[in-house]
Protein backbone atom coordinates (compact mmCIF):
# COMPACT_ATOMS: atom_id res chain seq x y z
CA MET A 1 -41.52 -34.43 -17.13
CA ILE A 2 -38.88 -35.64 -14.66
CA SER A 3 -40.13 -36.51 -11.21
CA ASN A 4 -38.51 -35.10 -8.11
CA SER A 5 -36.96 -38.45 -7.16
CA GLU A 6 -35.50 -38.85 -10.67
CA MET A 7 -34.00 -35.35 -10.44
CA ILE A 8 -32.39 -36.18 -7.12
CA ARG A 9 -31.02 -39.47 -8.53
CA ILE A 10 -29.59 -37.70 -11.57
CA ARG A 11 -28.04 -34.95 -9.43
CA ARG A 12 -26.37 -37.51 -7.13
CA GLN A 13 -25.08 -39.47 -10.12
CA MET A 14 -23.57 -36.30 -11.61
CA GLN A 15 -21.93 -35.41 -8.28
CA ARG A 16 -20.40 -38.90 -8.05
CA ARG A 17 -19.03 -38.60 -11.57
CA ILE A 18 -17.54 -35.19 -10.81
CA ARG A 19 -15.93 -36.52 -7.61
CA ASP A 20 -14.49 -39.44 -9.55
CA VAL A 21 -13.01 -37.19 -12.21
CA VAL A 22 -11.52 -34.81 -9.64
CA ALA A 23 -9.99 -37.72 -7.73
CA GLU A 24 -8.57 -39.21 -10.94
CA ARG A 25 -7.01 -35.88 -11.92
CA ARG A 26 -5.57 -35.44 -8.42
CA ARG A 27 -3.97 -38.89 -8.59
CA ALA A 28 -2.55 -38.14 -12.04
CA ARG A 29 -1.07 -34.85 -10.76
CA GLN A 30 0.48 -36.58 -7.76
CA GLU A 31 1.99 -39.30 -9.98
CA ALA A 32 3.36 -36.63 -12.33
CA GLU A 33 4.98 -34.81 -9.42
CA ILE A 34 6.54 -38.05 -8.20
CA HIS A 35 7.99 -38.73 -11.66
CA GLY A 36 9.14 -35.11 -12.02
CA HIS A 37 6.83 -34.11 -14.84
CA THR A 38 4.12 -31.55 -14.15
CA GLY A 39 2.72 -31.40 -17.68
CA ASP A 40 3.06 -27.62 -17.64
CA PRO A 41 3.98 -26.29 -21.10
CA ALA A 42 6.18 -23.66 -19.42
CA ASP A 43 8.38 -26.49 -18.13
CA ALA A 44 8.90 -27.79 -21.65
CA ARG A 45 9.87 -24.31 -22.90
CA ALA A 46 12.32 -23.89 -20.01
CA ASP A 47 13.89 -27.27 -20.78
CA SER A 48 14.23 -26.46 -24.49
CA SER A 49 15.87 -23.12 -23.70
CA LEU A 50 18.67 -24.96 -21.91
CA THR A 51 19.75 -26.78 -25.03
CA THR A 52 22.29 -25.10 -27.28
CA THR A 53 22.10 -25.05 -31.03
CA ALA A 54 25.04 -24.80 -33.44
């Protein structure tokens, strides 16, 4: 059985990992916005609809 202190340690570790992932995704989104690419599939469809085919 897991002791109370181990449970608290595991919970804090999980919270740190979640914060790290959220921060990493936020940075990636901000970089994508700076470079003009949002990663949204709708953007790719809109871009492809602008091209003409013979």
